[in-house]
């Protein structure tokens, strides 16, 4: 059973673009369907973690809005951050699915059996995950992973009942 999904941000939850306004404010676009997938996963009694190499108030706000359980920003060693979350949550690596897109995600992707990458992930990541999704980062890749996990876990009926 997958109890926790772990999400990278730039290139996974977003398309990887970072836009700065004239005043220096950072702007990111998040996919609404990814957000609903995350909310659905949580409604099903499962947990979500965000582990990202950058720090951003926008990411913190989005995580709070979606009720993400764990958020770690400014992380250099994502595998270590993942291990800390698993210890805190009392979850094993077999109960985790991860999506990432770039080299700094490899350390945590290689730890789990259920690893995913968006279609536009870098080549080395695509070669080291269990499944490369048809969607690009920020364009529904997270939702596609969640939908696949819901199907694998036979949670579709329960999900439909939650939204009926």
Protein backbone atom coordinates (compact mmCIF):
# COMPACT_ATOMS: atom_id res chain seq x y z
CA UNK A 1 0.00 0.00 0.00
CA UNK A 2 1.26 3.46 -0.87
CA UNK A 3 0.74 5.70 2.15
CA UNK A 4 2.87 8.67 1.09
CA UNK A 5 3.57 10.43 -2.18
CA UNK A 6 6.58 12.70 -2.39
CA UNK A 7 6.65 15.59 -4.84
CA UNK A 8 9.42 17.71 -6.21
CA UNK A 9 8.29 21.23 -7.20
CA UNK A 10 10.17 22.89 -10.06
CA UNK A 11 9.69 20.78 -13.17
CA UNK A 12 7.16 18.51 -11.48
CA UNK A 13 4.44 20.52 -9.71
CA UNK A 14 5.36 23.48 -11.92
CA UNK A 15 6.75 23.58 -15.44
CA UNK A 16 10.09 24.71 -14.05
CA UNK A 17 9.69 28.35 -15.03
CA UNK A 18 10.57 30.95 -12.46
CA UNK A 19 9.26 34.40 -13.28
CA UNK A 20 10.25 37.51 -11.39
CA UNK A 21 8.21 40.70 -11.40
CA UNK A 22 9.87 44.14 -11.58
CA UNK A 23 9.57 44.31 -7.80
CA UNK A 24 11.40 40.98 -7.45
CA UNK A 25 8.35 38.92 -6.54
CA UNK A 26 8.56 35.30 -7.67
CA UNK A 27 5.72 33.86 -9.74
CA UNK A 28 4.99 30.18 -10.41
CA UNK A 29 2.06 28.48 -12.09
CA UNK A 30 0.55 25.36 -10.53
CA UNK A 31 -1.81 22.99 -12.34
CA UNK A 32 -5.30 22.91 -10.82
CA UNK A 33 -5.78 19.25 -11.79
CA UNK A 34 -2.58 18.33 -9.97
CA UNK A 35 -3.97 20.19 -6.96
CA UNK A 36 -7.27 18.33 -7.03
CA UNK A 37 -5.38 15.04 -7.34
CA UNK A 38 -3.33 15.91 -4.26
CA UNK A 39 -6.48 16.90 -2.35
CA UNK A 40 -8.16 13.65 -3.41
CA UNK A 41 -5.16 11.59 -2.25
CA UNK A 42 -5.35 13.28 1.14
CA UNK A 43 -9.15 12.76 1.34
CA UNK A 44 -8.46 9.06 0.81
CA UNK A 45 -6.50 9.11 4.09
CA UNK A 46 -3.06 9.15 2.51
CA UNK A 47 -0.22 11.63 3.01
CA UNK A 48 1.78 13.99 0.82
CA UNK A 49 5.26 15.44 1.19
CA UNK A 50 7.03 18.12 -0.81
CA UNK A 51 10.81 18.02 -0.94
CA UNK A 52 12.36 20.81 -2.98
CA UNK A 53 15.81 22.25 -3.48
CA UNK A 54 14.62 25.85 -3.58
CA UNK A 55 12.83 27.92 -0.97
CA UNK A 56 9.70 29.79 -1.91
CA UNK A 57 6.84 31.37 0.01
CA UNK A 58 4.63 30.43 -2.96
CA UNK A 59 5.37 26.73 -2.44
CA UNK A 60 4.67 27.04 1.28
CA UNK A 61 1.34 28.73 0.53
CA UNK A 62 0.35 26.10 -2.05
CA UNK A 63 1.28 23.28 0.34
CA UNK A 64 -0.83 24.81 3.12
CA UNK A 65 -3.75 25.35 0.74
CA UNK A 66 -3.66 21.67 -0.26
CA UNK A 67 -3.06 20.48 3.33
CA UNK A 68 0.24 18.81 2.44
CA UNK A 69 1.50 16.97 5.51
CA UNK A 70 5.26 17.50 5.14
CA UNK A 71 7.17 20.27 3.39
CA UNK A 72 10.94 20.53 3.21
CA UNK A 73 12.45 23.40 1.25
CA UNK A 74 16.03 24.40 0.51
CA UNK A 75 17.08 20.75 0.60
CA UNK A 76 20.47 19.68 -0.80
CA UNK A 77 20.22 15.99 0.14
CA UNK A 78 16.73 14.86 -0.80
CA UNK A 79 17.36 11.23 0.18
CA UNK A 80 18.20 12.31 3.72
CA UNK A 81 15.13 14.56 3.87
CA UNK A 82 12.99 11.63 2.73
CA UNK A 83 14.46 9.36 5.42
CA UNK A 84 13.68 11.99 8.07
CA UNK A 85 10.05 12.20 6.94
CA UNK A 86 9.70 8.41 6.87
CA UNK A 87 11.08 8.13 10.39
CA UNK A 88 8.77 10.87 11.64
CA UNK A 89 5.73 9.30 9.92
CA UNK A 90 6.67 5.69 10.68
CA UNK A 91 6.40 4.80 6.98
CA UNK A 92 8.63 2.36 5.09
CA UNK A 93 10.22 2.95 1.67
CA UNK A 94 7.88 0.31 0.22
CA UNK A 95 4.93 2.56 1.11
CA UNK A 96 6.23 5.57 -0.83
CA UNK A 97 5.83 6.83 -4.40
CA UNK A 98 7.96 9.71 -5.64
CA UNK A 99 7.92 11.98 -8.67
CA UNK A 100 10.94 14.04 -9.68
CA UNK A 101 12.44 15.47 -12.85
CA UNK A 102 16.07 16.46 -12.40
CA UNK A 103 19.45 15.30 -11.12
CA UNK A 104 18.90 16.50 -7.56
CA UNK A 105 15.92 14.12 -7.32
CA UNK A 106 17.89 10.98 -8.20
CA UNK A 107 19.04 10.23 -4.65
CA UNK A 108 15.47 9.86 -3.40
CA UNK A 109 14.03 8.34 -6.60
CA UNK A 110 16.54 5.50 -6.45
CA UNK A 111 15.43 4.57 -2.91
CA UNK A 112 11.89 3.55 -3.80
CA UNK A 113 10.15 0.97 -6.00
CA UNK A 114 7.43 3.39 -7.07
CA UNK A 115 9.25 6.20 -8.86
CA UNK A 116 7.86 8.46 -11.56
CA UNK A 117 9.07 11.23 -13.84
CA UNK A 118 7.30 13.73 -16.08
CA UNK A 119 7.72 13.32 -19.83
CA UNK A 120 10.18 16.23 -19.94
CA UNK A 121 12.42 15.06 -17.08
CA UNK A 122 16.13 14.93 -17.80
CA UNK A 123 17.34 11.77 -19.52
CA UNK A 124 19.17 10.29 -16.52
CA UNK A 125 16.05 10.60 -14.37
CA UNK A 126 13.87 9.04 -17.07
CA UNK A 127 16.33 6.12 -17.18
CA UNK A 128 16.17 5.61 -13.40
CA UNK A 129 12.44 5.62 -12.66
CA UNK A 130 9.83 2.89 -12.88
CA UNK A 131 7.53 4.98 -15.05
CA UNK A 132 7.87 8.02 -17.28
CA UNK A 133 4.49 9.71 -17.52
CA UNK A 134 2.95 11.06 -20.73
CA UNK A 135 2.46 14.50 -19.16
CA UNK A 136 5.08 17.20 -18.73
CA UNK A 137 5.95 18.79 -15.40
CA UNK A 138 3.35 21.34 -14.34
CA UNK A 139 1.00 20.02 -17.01
CA UNK A 140 -0.72 17.20 -15.13
CA UNK A 141 2.16 14.79 -14.41
CA UNK A 142 1.45 14.73 -10.68
CA UNK A 143 -2.24 14.07 -11.34
CA UNK A 144 -1.38 11.24 -13.74
CA UNK A 145 0.80 9.61 -11.08
CA UNK A 146 -1.92 9.96 -8.44
CA UNK A 147 -4.60 8.60 -10.80
CA UNK A 148 -2.40 5.58 -11.53
CA UNK A 149 -1.77 4.97 -7.83
CA UNK A 150 -5.49 5.26 -7.03
CA UNK A 151 -6.22 2.65 -9.69
CA UNK A 152 -3.41 0.32 -8.49
CA UNK A 153 -4.65 0.64 -4.90
CA UNK A 154 -8.27 -0.08 -5.94
CA UNK A 155 -9.42 3.22 -4.47
CA UNK A 156 -11.47 4.46 -7.43
CA UNK A 157 -14.86 3.59 -5.95
CA UNK A 158 -13.99 5.18 -2.60
CA UNK A 159 -12.74 8.29 -4.41
CA UNK A 160 -15.92 8.64 -6.46
CA UNK A 161 -18.00 8.31 -3.30
CA UNK A 162 -16.01 11.12 -1.66
CA UNK A 163 -16.81 13.46 -4.55
CA UNK A 164 -20.41 12.29 -5.25
